[in-house]
Amino acid sequence: MFHSIETLLEIPLATADGETRAIRNFLFDDRSWLVRFLVVDVGKWLAPRQVVIPASAVDVPDWKGHIIRAHLTSAELLASPDAETIRPVSRQQQTAWAGHFGWGQGDPNWSGPSSADFPRREFNVGGEGNDPHLRRTGDLISYQVWAKNGYLGLLEGFFLEDASWHIGYLLTRTGDWVCEEKVVPSSSVAAISWGQRRVMLDCPSDSAHQQASF
């Protein structure tokens, strides 16, 4: 069984001492397709603050109970690293853009020109703390998905395997007026381009996707 990862944004994270917090995003490895970190909101009203915790610090989602249980106390959660300390590819590139053009860092969610028809320059951001395979699920929504023989559609979401933090499928949408949703195995992804806002598959379209039925 598979579950939409976006559903988890509506499920509370419960600490070991009973407090609940909201999950805001997920960071995954684009080679293994395993969620590595959760972005959690530990701030207060009018004073938001987001931290990152490793997926190993929480149980797999309790889909029936609609909760995710953490192995951390509320104090340990508050002491977790700020979200900015673990940067996905989009944030790495934004920092490189700012440095190249002499801009301030500004909004950490800004990631350069967004049009898929206007490829963005991609910088070499190697170095300590810069993982070229760490992606944030929210950043990839609306990326174009391309098979070997052409365009498939827009990336709409991700499906987690049951009792796991592994992303097994991507949800794509094709069409403007009459939309059709299909799923693509994450194992068929050959590369992801931040500059072109594309997910490239290693197979032709007729073998890439399935009707979304779960």
N, C-alpha and C. Protein backbone atom coordinates (compact mmCIF):
# COMPACT_ATOMS: atom_id res chain seq x y z
N MET A 1 0.85 -1.19 0.00
CA MET A 1 0.00 0.00 0.00
C MET A 1 0.88 1.24 0.00
N PHE A 2 0.40 2.28 -0.65
CA PHE A 2 1.14 3.54 -0.73
C PHE A 2 0.26 4.68 -0.23
N HIS A 3 0.91 5.73 0.30
CA HIS A 3 0.20 6.87 0.86
C HIS A 3 0.83 8.16 0.37
N SER A 4 0.01 9.16 0.13
CA SER A 4 0.52 10.46 -0.31
C SER A 4 1.29 11.12 0.82
N ILE A 5 2.51 11.54 0.53
CA ILE A 5 3.32 12.17 1.55
C ILE A 5 2.74 13.52 1.97
N GLU A 6 1.99 14.16 1.06
CA GLU A 6 1.40 15.45 1.38
C GLU A 6 0.38 15.34 2.52
N THR A 7 -0.21 14.14 2.69
CA THR A 7 -1.16 13.92 3.78
C THR A 7 -0.50 14.17 5.13
N LEU A 8 0.82 13.92 5.21
CA LEU A 8 1.52 14.06 6.48
C LEU A 8 1.63 15.51 6.93
N LEU A 9 1.42 16.45 6.02
CA LEU A 9 1.45 17.86 6.41
C LEU A 9 0.22 18.22 7.24
N GLU A 10 -0.76 17.32 7.27
CA GLU A 10 -1.97 17.53 8.06
C GLU A 10 -2.00 16.65 9.31
N ILE A 11 -0.96 15.86 9.51
CA ILE A 11 -0.88 14.94 10.64
C ILE A 11 0.11 15.49 11.66
N PRO A 12 -0.25 15.57 12.94
CA PRO A 12 0.68 16.13 13.93
C PRO A 12 1.85 15.20 14.24
N LEU A 13 2.96 15.83 14.59
CA LEU A 13 4.11 15.11 15.12
C LEU A 13 4.02 15.17 16.63
N ALA A 14 3.99 14.02 17.29
CA ALA A 14 3.86 13.96 18.74
C ALA A 14 5.21 13.67 19.37
N THR A 15 5.63 14.52 20.31
CA THR A 15 6.90 14.30 21.01
C THR A 15 6.73 13.20 22.05
N ALA A 16 7.86 12.76 22.60
CA ALA A 16 7.83 11.69 23.59
C ALA A 16 7.11 12.10 24.86
N ASP A 17 7.02 13.41 25.13
CA ASP A 17 6.33 13.87 26.32
C ASP A 17 4.95 14.47 26.02
N GLY A 18 4.43 14.18 24.82
CA GLY A 18 3.03 14.46 24.56
C GLY A 18 2.68 15.75 23.86
N GLU A 19 3.64 16.60 23.54
CA GLU A 19 3.33 17.82 22.78
C GLU A 19 3.19 17.48 21.30
N THR A 20 2.49 18.32 20.55
CA THR A 20 2.35 18.10 19.11
C THR A 20 2.85 19.31 18.35
N ARG A 21 3.44 19.02 17.21
CA ARG A 21 3.96 20.06 16.33
C ARG A 21 3.57 19.74 14.89
N ALA A 22 3.67 20.76 14.03
CA ALA A 22 3.29 20.59 12.63
C ALA A 22 4.52 20.30 11.77
N ILE A 23 4.36 19.38 10.81
CA ILE A 23 5.41 19.08 9.84
C ILE A 23 5.21 19.99 8.63
N ARG A 24 6.28 20.59 8.15
CA ARG A 24 6.19 21.55 7.05
C ARG A 24 6.77 21.04 5.74
N ASN A 25 7.73 20.12 5.80
CA ASN A 25 8.35 19.66 4.57
C ASN A 25 9.19 18.42 4.85
N PHE A 26 9.72 17.85 3.76
CA PHE A 26 10.54 16.64 3.85
C PHE A 26 11.75 16.79 2.95
N LEU A 27 12.88 16.30 3.40
CA LEU A 27 14.10 16.28 2.59
C LEU A 27 14.46 14.82 2.31
N PHE A 28 14.69 14.52 1.04
CA PHE A 28 14.97 13.14 0.66
C PHE A 28 16.22 13.07 -0.21
N ASP A 29 16.78 11.87 -0.31
CA ASP A 29 17.93 11.60 -1.16
C ASP A 29 17.42 11.17 -2.53
N ASP A 30 17.84 11.85 -3.59
CA ASP A 30 17.29 11.56 -4.92
C ASP A 30 17.91 10.33 -5.58
N ARG A 31 18.76 9.61 -4.85
CA ARG A 31 19.28 8.33 -5.35
C ARG A 31 18.55 7.16 -4.72
N SER A 32 18.41 7.19 -3.41
CA SER A 32 17.72 6.11 -2.70
C SER A 32 16.23 6.36 -2.58
N TRP A 33 15.80 7.63 -2.73
CA TRP A 33 14.41 8.05 -2.55
C TRP A 33 13.92 7.78 -1.13
N LEU A 34 14.83 7.85 -0.19
CA LEU A 34 14.48 7.75 1.22
C LEU A 34 14.39 9.14 1.83
N VAL A 35 13.34 9.40 2.60
CA VAL A 35 13.24 10.65 3.35
C VAL A 35 14.32 10.63 4.42
N ARG A 36 15.14 11.66 4.44
CA ARG A 36 16.24 11.72 5.41
C ARG A 36 15.95 12.66 6.57
N PHE A 37 15.20 13.74 6.28
CA PHE A 37 14.90 14.72 7.32
C PHE A 37 13.45 15.19 7.22
N LEU A 38 12.90 15.58 8.36
CA LEU A 38 11.60 16.24 8.42
C LEU A 38 11.82 17.67 8.87
N VAL A 39 11.11 18.59 8.27
CA VAL A 39 11.14 19.99 8.68
C VAL A 39 9.91 20.22 9.57
N VAL A 40 10.15 20.64 10.81
CA VAL A 40 9.10 20.74 11.81
C VAL A 40 9.01 22.18 12.30
N ASP A 41 7.79 22.67 12.47
CA ASP A 41 7.56 24.02 12.98
C ASP A 41 7.49 23.97 14.50
N VAL A 42 8.46 24.61 15.16
CA VAL A 42 8.48 24.63 16.62
C VAL A 42 8.23 26.04 17.16
N GLY A 43 7.87 26.96 16.28
CA GLY A 43 7.65 28.34 16.69
C GLY A 43 6.30 28.56 17.32
N LYS A 44 6.04 29.81 17.63
CA LYS A 44 4.76 30.20 18.20
C LYS A 44 4.07 31.14 17.23
N TRP A 45 2.83 31.47 17.53
CA TRP A 45 2.06 32.37 16.68
C TRP A 45 2.81 33.70 16.52
N LEU A 46 2.97 34.13 15.30
CA LEU A 46 3.69 35.35 14.92
C LEU A 46 5.20 35.23 15.12
N ALA A 47 5.66 34.06 15.53
CA ALA A 47 7.11 33.85 15.68
C ALA A 47 7.46 32.46 15.19
N PRO A 48 7.31 32.21 13.88
CA PRO A 48 7.58 30.87 13.35
C PRO A 48 9.05 30.52 13.43
N ARG A 49 9.31 29.26 13.65
CA ARG A 49 10.69 28.76 13.63
C ARG A 49 10.65 27.31 13.20
N GLN A 50 11.46 26.98 12.22
CA GLN A 50 11.49 25.62 11.71
C GLN A 50 12.83 24.96 12.01
N VAL A 51 12.75 23.69 12.38
CA VAL A 51 13.96 22.91 12.65
C VAL A 51 13.92 21.65 11.79
N VAL A 52 15.06 20.98 11.69
CA VAL A 52 15.12 19.71 10.97
C VAL A 52 15.47 18.60 11.95
N ILE A 53 14.81 17.46 11.77
CA ILE A 53 15.15 16.28 12.56
C ILE A 53 15.31 15.11 11.59
N PRO A 54 16.21 14.17 11.90
CA PRO A 54 16.39 13.03 11.01
C PRO A 54 15.19 12.10 11.06
N ALA A 55 14.93 11.43 9.96
CA ALA A 55 13.81 10.48 9.92
C ALA A 55 14.00 9.37 10.94
N SER A 56 15.24 9.09 11.31
CA SER A 56 15.51 8.06 12.31
C SER A 56 15.02 8.46 13.70
N ALA A 57 14.69 9.74 13.88
CA ALA A 57 14.23 10.23 15.18
C ALA A 57 12.72 10.09 15.35
N VAL A 58 12.05 9.55 14.34
CA VAL A 58 10.59 9.37 14.42
C VAL A 58 10.23 7.95 13.95
N ASP A 59 9.06 7.50 14.37
CA ASP A 59 8.53 6.24 13.86
C ASP A 59 7.98 6.47 12.46
N VAL A 60 7.76 5.39 11.73
CA VAL A 60 7.06 5.52 10.46
C VAL A 60 5.65 6.02 10.75
N PRO A 61 5.01 6.69 9.81
CA PRO A 61 3.68 7.27 10.07
C PRO A 61 2.66 6.21 10.49
N ASP A 62 1.86 6.58 11.47
CA ASP A 62 0.71 5.77 11.87
C ASP A 62 -0.47 6.29 11.07
N TRP A 63 -0.71 5.68 9.91
CA TRP A 63 -1.73 6.20 9.00
C TRP A 63 -3.13 6.04 9.57
N LYS A 64 -3.37 4.96 10.29
CA LYS A 64 -4.70 4.75 10.87
C LYS A 64 -4.95 5.68 12.05
N GLY A 65 -3.91 5.89 12.84
CA GLY A 65 -4.05 6.77 13.99
C GLY A 65 -3.85 8.23 13.68
N HIS A 66 -3.44 8.52 12.46
CA HIS A 66 -3.22 9.89 11.99
C HIS A 66 -2.26 10.65 12.91
N ILE A 67 -1.08 10.06 13.11
CA ILE A 67 -0.08 10.70 13.96
C ILE A 67 1.31 10.15 13.60
N ILE A 68 2.32 10.95 13.85
CA ILE A 68 3.71 10.50 13.74
C ILE A 68 4.34 10.69 15.10
N ARG A 69 4.91 9.66 15.65
CA ARG A 69 5.48 9.71 16.99
C ARG A 69 6.99 9.89 16.91
N ALA A 70 7.48 10.91 17.62
CA ALA A 70 8.91 11.18 17.66
C ALA A 70 9.54 10.54 18.88
N HIS A 71 10.83 10.24 18.77
CA HIS A 71 11.58 9.70 19.90
C HIS A 71 12.19 10.83 20.73
N LEU A 72 11.87 12.06 20.40
CA LEU A 72 12.43 13.24 21.04
C LEU A 72 11.42 13.86 21.99
N THR A 73 11.91 14.44 23.08
CA THR A 73 11.05 15.23 23.95
C THR A 73 10.84 16.61 23.31
N SER A 74 9.92 17.37 23.84
CA SER A 74 9.68 18.72 23.30
C SER A 74 10.93 19.58 23.45
N ALA A 75 11.67 19.41 24.56
CA ALA A 75 12.90 20.18 24.75
C ALA A 75 13.96 19.79 23.72
N GLU A 76 14.07 18.51 23.44
CA GLU A 76 15.04 18.06 22.44
C GLU A 76 14.65 18.55 21.04
N LEU A 77 13.35 18.59 20.78
CA LEU A 77 12.89 19.09 19.49
C LEU A 77 13.23 20.57 19.34
N LEU A 78 13.01 21.35 20.40
CA LEU A 78 13.33 22.77 20.36
C LEU A 78 14.82 23.01 20.18
N ALA A 79 15.63 22.08 20.64
CA ALA A 79 17.08 22.22 20.53
C ALA A 79 17.63 21.68 19.22
N SER A 80 16.76 21.20 18.35
CA SER A 80 17.20 20.65 17.06
C SER A 80 17.72 21.77 16.16
N PRO A 81 18.54 21.43 15.17
CA PRO A 81 19.13 22.46 14.30
C PRO A 81 18.07 23.23 13.51
N ASP A 82 18.30 24.50 13.31
CA ASP A 82 17.41 25.29 12.46
C ASP A 82 17.39 24.71 11.05
N ALA A 83 16.27 24.90 10.37
CA ALA A 83 16.09 24.33 9.04
C ALA A 83 17.17 24.79 8.07
N GLU A 84 17.71 25.99 8.28
CA GLU A 84 18.73 26.53 7.38
C GLU A 84 20.06 25.81 7.46
N THR A 85 20.27 25.00 8.51
CA THR A 85 21.56 24.36 8.68
C THR A 85 21.73 23.14 7.77
N ILE A 86 20.63 22.60 7.27
CA ILE A 86 20.68 21.48 6.33
C ILE A 86 19.98 21.94 5.07
N ARG A 87 20.75 22.21 4.03
CA ARG A 87 20.21 22.90 2.86
C ARG A 87 20.02 21.95 1.69
N PRO A 88 18.80 21.90 1.15
CA PRO A 88 18.57 21.11 -0.06
C PRO A 88 19.18 21.79 -1.28
N VAL A 89 19.14 21.12 -2.41
CA VAL A 89 19.74 21.65 -3.64
C VAL A 89 19.21 23.05 -3.97
N SER A 90 17.90 23.26 -3.82
CA SER A 90 17.33 24.56 -4.17
C SER A 90 17.94 25.68 -3.35
N ARG A 91 18.16 25.44 -2.07
CA ARG A 91 18.74 26.46 -1.21
C ARG A 91 20.23 26.65 -1.52
N GLN A 92 20.92 25.56 -1.84
CA GLN A 92 22.32 25.66 -2.23
C GLN A 92 22.47 26.54 -3.47
N GLN A 93 21.58 26.34 -4.44
CA GLN A 93 21.66 27.11 -5.68
C GLN A 93 21.28 28.56 -5.44
N GLN A 94 20.29 28.79 -4.57
CA GLN A 94 19.90 30.18 -4.28
C GLN A 94 21.06 30.94 -3.65
N THR A 95 21.77 30.28 -2.74
CA THR A 95 22.93 30.91 -2.10
C THR A 95 24.02 31.21 -3.13
N ALA A 96 24.21 30.27 -4.06
CA ALA A 96 25.21 30.48 -5.11
C ALA A 96 24.82 31.63 -6.03
N TRP A 97 23.53 31.72 -6.37
CA TRP A 97 23.04 32.83 -7.18
C TRP A 97 23.33 34.17 -6.49
N ALA A 98 22.97 34.22 -5.20
CA ALA A 98 23.14 35.45 -4.44
C ALA A 98 24.61 35.85 -4.40
N GLY A 99 25.49 34.87 -4.18
CA GLY A 99 26.91 35.17 -4.15
C GLY A 99 27.45 35.62 -5.49
N HIS A 100 26.98 35.00 -6.58
CA HIS A 100 27.47 35.33 -7.92
C HIS A 100 27.08 36.75 -8.32
N PHE A 101 25.84 37.15 -7.99
CA PHE A 101 25.36 38.46 -8.42
C PHE A 101 25.52 39.53 -7.34
N GLY A 102 26.07 39.14 -6.18
CA GLY A 102 26.27 40.11 -5.11
C GLY A 102 25.01 40.53 -4.41
N TRP A 103 24.00 39.65 -4.41
CA TRP A 103 22.74 39.94 -3.74
C TRP A 103 22.80 39.47 -2.30
N GLY A 104 21.89 39.99 -1.49
CA GLY A 104 21.73 39.46 -0.15
C GLY A 104 21.05 38.10 -0.21
N GLN A 105 21.07 37.39 0.89
CA GLN A 105 20.49 36.05 0.90
C GLN A 105 18.97 36.10 0.76
N GLY A 106 18.32 37.09 1.34
CA GLY A 106 16.88 37.27 1.14
C GLY A 106 16.05 36.08 1.59
N ASP A 107 14.99 35.85 0.86
CA ASP A 107 14.02 34.80 1.19
C ASP A 107 14.64 33.44 0.90
N PRO A 108 14.75 32.55 1.91
CA PRO A 108 15.35 31.23 1.67
C PRO A 108 14.52 30.34 0.77
N ASN A 109 13.27 30.71 0.53
CA ASN A 109 12.43 29.91 -0.36
C ASN A 109 12.54 30.34 -1.82
N TRP A 110 13.20 31.47 -2.06
CA TRP A 110 13.39 31.93 -3.44
C TRP A 110 14.42 31.04 -4.12
N SER A 111 14.19 30.70 -5.38
CA SER A 111 15.11 29.78 -6.05
C SER A 111 15.41 30.19 -7.48
N GLY A 112 15.33 31.47 -7.78
CA GLY A 112 15.66 31.93 -9.13
C GLY A 112 14.45 31.92 -10.04
N PRO A 113 14.62 32.31 -11.31
CA PRO A 113 13.52 32.29 -12.26
C PRO A 113 12.82 30.94 -12.27
N SER A 114 11.49 30.96 -12.30
CA SER A 114 10.73 29.72 -12.11
C SER A 114 10.24 29.09 -13.40
N SER A 115 10.31 29.80 -14.51
CA SER A 115 9.75 29.25 -15.75
C SER A 115 10.60 28.11 -16.29
N ALA A 116 9.92 27.01 -16.64
CA ALA A 116 10.63 25.87 -17.21
C ALA A 116 11.18 26.20 -18.59
N ASP A 117 10.66 27.28 -19.21
CA ASP A 117 11.13 27.69 -20.53
C ASP A 117 12.34 28.62 -20.44
N PHE A 118 12.73 28.95 -19.22
CA PHE A 118 13.90 29.82 -19.02
C PHE A 118 14.85 29.09 -18.08
N PRO A 119 15.74 28.23 -18.63
CA PRO A 119 16.63 27.44 -17.78
C PRO A 119 17.48 28.34 -16.88
N ARG A 120 17.59 27.95 -15.65
CA ARG A 120 18.39 28.70 -14.70
C ARG A 120 19.82 28.16 -14.70
N ARG A 121 20.74 29.04 -14.46
CA ARG A 121 22.13 28.59 -14.35
C ARG A 121 22.28 27.74 -13.09
N GLU A 122 22.99 26.62 -13.22
CA GLU A 122 23.28 25.79 -12.07
C GLU A 122 24.76 25.93 -11.72
N PHE A 123 25.02 26.23 -10.47
CA PHE A 123 26.37 26.43 -9.99
C PHE A 123 26.92 25.14 -9.39
N ASN A 124 28.24 25.03 -9.42
CA ASN A 124 28.92 23.96 -8.70
C ASN A 124 28.97 24.37 -7.23
N VAL A 125 28.22 23.68 -6.40
CA VAL A 125 28.13 24.08 -4.99
C VAL A 125 28.75 23.02 -4.09
N GLY A 126 29.77 22.35 -4.60
CA GLY A 126 30.45 21.34 -3.79
C GLY A 126 31.06 21.95 -2.55
N GLY A 127 31.30 21.13 -1.57
CA GLY A 127 31.89 21.61 -0.33
C GLY A 127 31.14 21.05 0.86
N GLU A 128 31.68 21.31 2.02
CA GLU A 128 31.09 20.79 3.25
C GLU A 128 29.67 21.31 3.44
N GLY A 129 28.77 20.40 3.74
CA GLY A 129 27.38 20.78 4.00
C GLY A 129 26.52 20.89 2.77
N ASN A 130 27.09 20.71 1.58
CA ASN A 130 26.31 20.81 0.35
C ASN A 130 26.16 19.42 -0.28
N ASP A 131 25.03 18.81 -0.10
CA ASP A 131 24.76 17.48 -0.64
C ASP A 131 24.01 17.65 -1.95
N PRO A 132 24.60 17.29 -3.10
CA PRO A 132 23.94 17.49 -4.40
C PRO A 132 22.74 16.56 -4.63
N HIS A 133 22.48 15.65 -3.70
CA HIS A 133 21.37 14.72 -3.86
C HIS A 133 20.25 14.94 -2.84
N LEU A 134 20.37 15.99 -2.04
CA LEU A 134 19.36 16.27 -1.03
C LEU A 134 18.31 17.21 -1.60
N ARG A 135 17.09 16.73 -1.71
CA ARG A 135 16.00 17.53 -2.30
C ARG A 135 14.88 17.72 -1.29
N ARG A 136 14.15 18.82 -1.43
CA ARG A 136 12.99 19.10 -0.60
C ARG A 136 11.74 18.83 -1.43
N THR A 137 10.85 17.99 -0.91
CA THR A 137 9.69 17.58 -1.71
C THR A 137 8.90 18.78 -2.22
N GLY A 138 8.71 19.78 -1.38
CA GLY A 138 7.92 20.93 -1.80
C GLY A 138 8.52 21.69 -2.96
N ASP A 139 9.85 21.62 -3.13
CA ASP A 139 10.50 22.34 -4.22
C ASP A 139 10.21 21.72 -5.58
N LEU A 140 9.93 20.43 -5.60
CA LEU A 140 9.80 19.72 -6.88
C LEU A 140 8.38 19.74 -7.44
N ILE A 141 7.42 20.19 -6.65
CA ILE A 141 6.05 20.25 -7.15
C ILE A 141 6.00 21.18 -8.36
N SER A 142 5.37 20.74 -9.43
CA SER A 142 5.22 21.45 -10.71
C SER A 142 6.47 21.33 -11.59
N TYR A 143 7.47 20.54 -11.21
CA TYR A 143 8.54 20.23 -12.15
C TYR A 143 7.96 19.43 -13.31
N GLN A 144 8.51 19.61 -14.49
CA GLN A 144 8.11 18.80 -15.64
C GLN A 144 8.73 17.41 -15.54
N VAL A 145 7.96 16.41 -15.93
CA VAL A 145 8.47 15.03 -15.96
C VAL A 145 8.61 14.62 -17.42
N TRP A 146 9.82 14.20 -17.78
CA TRP A 146 10.12 13.84 -19.17
C TRP A 146 10.58 12.39 -19.26
N ALA A 147 9.97 11.63 -20.16
CA ALA A 147 10.45 10.29 -20.48
C ALA A 147 11.48 10.41 -21.60
N LYS A 148 12.06 9.28 -22.00
CA LYS A 148 13.06 9.31 -23.06
C LYS A 148 12.50 9.85 -24.37
N ASN A 149 11.22 9.61 -24.60
CA ASN A 149 10.63 10.01 -25.88
C ASN A 149 9.69 11.20 -25.77
N GLY A 150 9.78 11.96 -24.68
CA GLY A 150 8.97 13.16 -24.63
C GLY A 150 8.39 13.49 -23.27
N TYR A 151 7.61 14.56 -23.28
CA TYR A 151 7.04 15.14 -22.07
C TYR A 151 5.88 14.29 -21.55
N LEU A 152 5.86 14.05 -20.21
CA LEU A 152 4.78 13.27 -19.60
C LEU A 152 3.75 14.12 -18.86
N GLY A 153 4.21 15.12 -18.16
CA GLY A 153 3.28 15.94 -17.37
C GLY A 153 4.02 16.64 -16.25
N LEU A 154 3.24 17.22 -15.32
CA LEU A 154 3.81 17.95 -14.19
C LEU A 154 3.82 17.07 -12.95
N LEU A 155 4.86 17.20 -12.16
CA LEU A 155 4.94 16.47 -10.91
C LEU A 155 3.98 17.09 -9.90
N GLU A 156 3.09 16.25 -9.36
CA GLU A 156 2.05 16.74 -8.46
C GLU A 156 2.24 16.27 -7.02
N GLY A 157 2.96 15.17 -6.82
CA GLY A 157 3.09 14.67 -5.45
C GLY A 157 3.94 13.41 -5.38
N PHE A 158 4.01 12.88 -4.17
CA PHE A 158 4.85 11.72 -3.89
C PHE A 158 4.07 10.70 -3.07
N PHE A 159 4.36 9.42 -3.30
CA PHE A 159 3.72 8.36 -2.53
C PHE A 159 4.76 7.58 -1.74
N LEU A 160 4.52 7.48 -0.43
CA LEU A 160 5.38 6.69 0.44
C LEU A 160 4.90 5.24 0.49
N GLU A 161 5.85 4.33 0.58
CA GLU A 161 5.50 2.94 0.81
C GLU A 161 4.99 2.79 2.24
N ASP A 162 4.08 1.85 2.44
CA ASP A 162 3.52 1.62 3.76
C ASP A 162 4.63 1.18 4.72
N ALA A 163 4.56 1.67 5.98
CA ALA A 163 5.53 1.31 7.02
C ALA A 163 6.97 1.59 6.58
N SER A 164 7.16 2.71 5.92
CA SER A 164 8.48 3.03 5.39
C SER A 164 8.58 4.53 5.14
N TRP A 165 9.82 5.03 5.05
CA TRP A 165 10.06 6.40 4.63
C TRP A 165 10.59 6.43 3.19
N HIS A 166 10.32 5.38 2.45
CA HIS A 166 10.77 5.30 1.06
C HIS A 166 9.69 5.83 0.13
N ILE A 167 10.08 6.76 -0.76
CA ILE A 167 9.18 7.29 -1.78
C ILE A 167 9.18 6.33 -2.96
N GLY A 168 8.09 5.62 -3.15
CA GLY A 168 8.04 4.61 -4.20
C GLY A 168 7.53 5.11 -5.53
N TYR A 169 6.68 6.14 -5.51
CA TYR A 169 6.07 6.62 -6.75
C TYR A 169 5.94 8.14 -6.74
N LEU A 170 5.95 8.71 -7.94
CA LEU A 170 5.66 10.12 -8.15
C LEU A 170 4.31 10.23 -8.83
N LEU A 171 3.56 11.26 -8.48
CA LEU A 171 2.26 11.51 -9.11
C LEU A 171 2.43 12.58 -10.17
N THR A 172 1.98 12.30 -11.39
CA THR A 172 2.05 13.28 -12.47
C THR A 172 0.65 13.63 -12.96
N ARG A 173 0.52 14.85 -13.51
CA ARG A 173 -0.75 15.29 -14.07
C ARG A 173 -0.52 15.78 -15.49
N THR A 174 -1.34 15.29 -16.41
CA THR A 174 -1.25 15.72 -17.80
C THR A 174 -2.56 16.38 -18.20
N GLY A 175 -2.48 17.30 -19.15
CA GLY A 175 -3.68 17.95 -19.65
C GLY A 175 -4.00 19.22 -18.92
N ASP A 176 -4.68 20.15 -19.59
CA ASP A 176 -5.07 21.42 -19.01
C ASP A 176 -6.55 21.44 -18.64
N TRP A 177 -7.41 21.08 -19.60
CA TRP A 177 -8.85 21.09 -19.34
C TRP A 177 -9.33 19.73 -18.86
N VAL A 178 -8.89 18.68 -19.52
CA VAL A 178 -9.21 17.32 -19.09
C VAL A 178 -7.92 16.73 -18.53
N CYS A 179 -7.85 16.64 -17.22
CA CYS A 179 -6.62 16.21 -16.57
C CYS A 179 -6.62 14.70 -16.32
N GLU A 180 -5.47 14.12 -16.41
CA GLU A 180 -5.29 12.70 -16.13
C GLU A 180 -4.11 12.53 -15.20
N GLU A 181 -4.34 11.81 -14.12
CA GLU A 181 -3.28 11.57 -13.15
C GLU A 181 -2.72 10.17 -13.32
N LYS A 182 -1.40 10.08 -13.32
CA LYS A 182 -0.73 8.79 -13.42
C LYS A 182 0.45 8.78 -12.45
N VAL A 183 0.91 7.58 -12.12
CA VAL A 183 2.04 7.46 -11.21
C VAL A 183 3.24 6.88 -11.94
N VAL A 184 4.41 7.33 -11.50
CA VAL A 184 5.68 6.92 -12.09
C VAL A 184 6.56 6.33 -10.99
N PRO A 185 7.13 5.16 -11.15
CA PRO A 185 8.02 4.61 -10.13
C PRO A 185 9.24 5.51 -9.93
N SER A 186 9.60 5.77 -8.71
CA SER A 186 10.78 6.58 -8.45
C SER A 186 12.04 5.91 -8.97
N SER A 187 12.01 4.59 -9.08
CA SER A 187 13.17 3.85 -9.59
C SER A 187 13.47 4.16 -11.05
N SER A 188 12.50 4.76 -11.76
CA SER A 188 12.72 5.07 -13.18
C SER A 188 13.31 6.46 -13.38
N VAL A 189 13.54 7.21 -12.31
CA VAL A 189 14.11 8.55 -12.43
C VAL A 189 15.62 8.46 -12.67
N ALA A 190 16.06 9.07 -13.76
CA ALA A 190 17.49 9.06 -14.11
C ALA A 190 18.21 10.29 -13.56
N ALA A 191 17.52 11.44 -13.52
CA ALA A 191 18.16 12.68 -13.06
C ALA A 191 17.08 13.72 -12.75
N ILE A 192 17.47 14.69 -11.94
CA ILE A 192 16.61 15.83 -11.62
C ILE A 192 17.40 17.09 -11.90
N SER A 193 16.81 18.02 -12.64
CA SER A 193 17.49 19.27 -12.99
C SER A 193 16.81 20.45 -12.30
N TRP A 194 17.54 21.09 -11.40
CA TRP A 194 17.02 22.30 -10.77
C TRP A 194 16.93 23.42 -11.79
N GLY A 195 17.93 23.51 -12.67
CA GLY A 195 17.98 24.59 -13.65
C GLY A 195 16.82 24.55 -14.63
N GLN A 196 16.47 23.36 -15.11
CA GLN A 196 15.38 23.22 -16.08
C GLN A 196 14.05 22.89 -15.42
N ARG A 197 14.06 22.68 -14.11
CA ARG A 197 12.85 22.28 -13.38
C ARG A 197 12.26 21.01 -14.01
N ARG A 198 13.13 20.01 -14.17
CA ARG A 198 12.70 18.77 -14.82
C ARG A 198 13.11 17.54 -14.02
N VAL A 199 12.27 16.52 -14.13
CA VAL A 199 12.59 15.17 -13.67
C VAL A 199 12.70 14.31 -14.92
N MET A 200 13.88 13.72 -15.15
CA MET A 200 14.10 12.92 -16.36
C MET A 200 14.08 11.43 -16.02
N LEU A 201 13.34 10.69 -16.84
CA LEU A 201 13.21 9.25 -16.63
C LEU A 201 14.13 8.49 -17.58
N ASP A 202 14.41 7.24 -17.22
CA ASP A 202 15.30 6.42 -18.05
C ASP A 202 14.54 5.44 -18.94
N CYS A 203 13.25 5.73 -19.16
CA CYS A 203 12.41 4.82 -19.96
C CYS A 203 11.45 5.62 -20.82
N PRO A 204 10.89 5.00 -21.86
CA PRO A 204 9.90 5.70 -22.70
C PRO A 204 8.57 5.85 -21.97
N SER A 205 7.74 6.73 -22.49
CA SER A 205 6.49 7.06 -21.81
C SER A 205 5.54 5.88 -21.67
N ASP A 206 5.51 4.98 -22.67
CA ASP A 206 4.55 3.89 -22.61
C ASP A 206 4.86 2.87 -21.52
N SER A 207 6.07 2.90 -20.99
CA SER A 207 6.40 1.99 -19.90
C SER A 207 6.70 2.73 -18.60
N ALA A 208 6.56 4.06 -18.63
CA ALA A 208 6.94 4.86 -17.45
C ALA A 208 5.83 4.97 -16.41
N HIS A 209 4.59 5.14 -16.90
CA HIS A 209 3.57 5.48 -15.92
C HIS A 209 2.40 4.50 -15.90
N GLN A 210 1.64 4.61 -14.83
CA GLN A 210 0.47 3.79 -14.60
C GLN A 210 -0.68 4.69 -14.20
N GLN A 211 -1.90 4.19 -14.33
CA GLN A 211 -3.04 4.92 -13.85
C GLN A 211 -2.96 5.02 -12.33
N ALA A 212 -3.22 6.22 -11.75
CA ALA A 212 -3.21 6.37 -10.32
C ALA A 212 -4.42 5.67 -9.71
N SER A 213 -4.17 4.65 -8.90
CA SER A 213 -5.28 3.87 -8.36
C SER A 213 -5.07 3.52 -6.89
N PHE A 214 -4.24 4.32 -6.20
CA PHE A 214 -4.05 4.04 -4.78
C PHE A 214 -3.83 5.33 -4.04
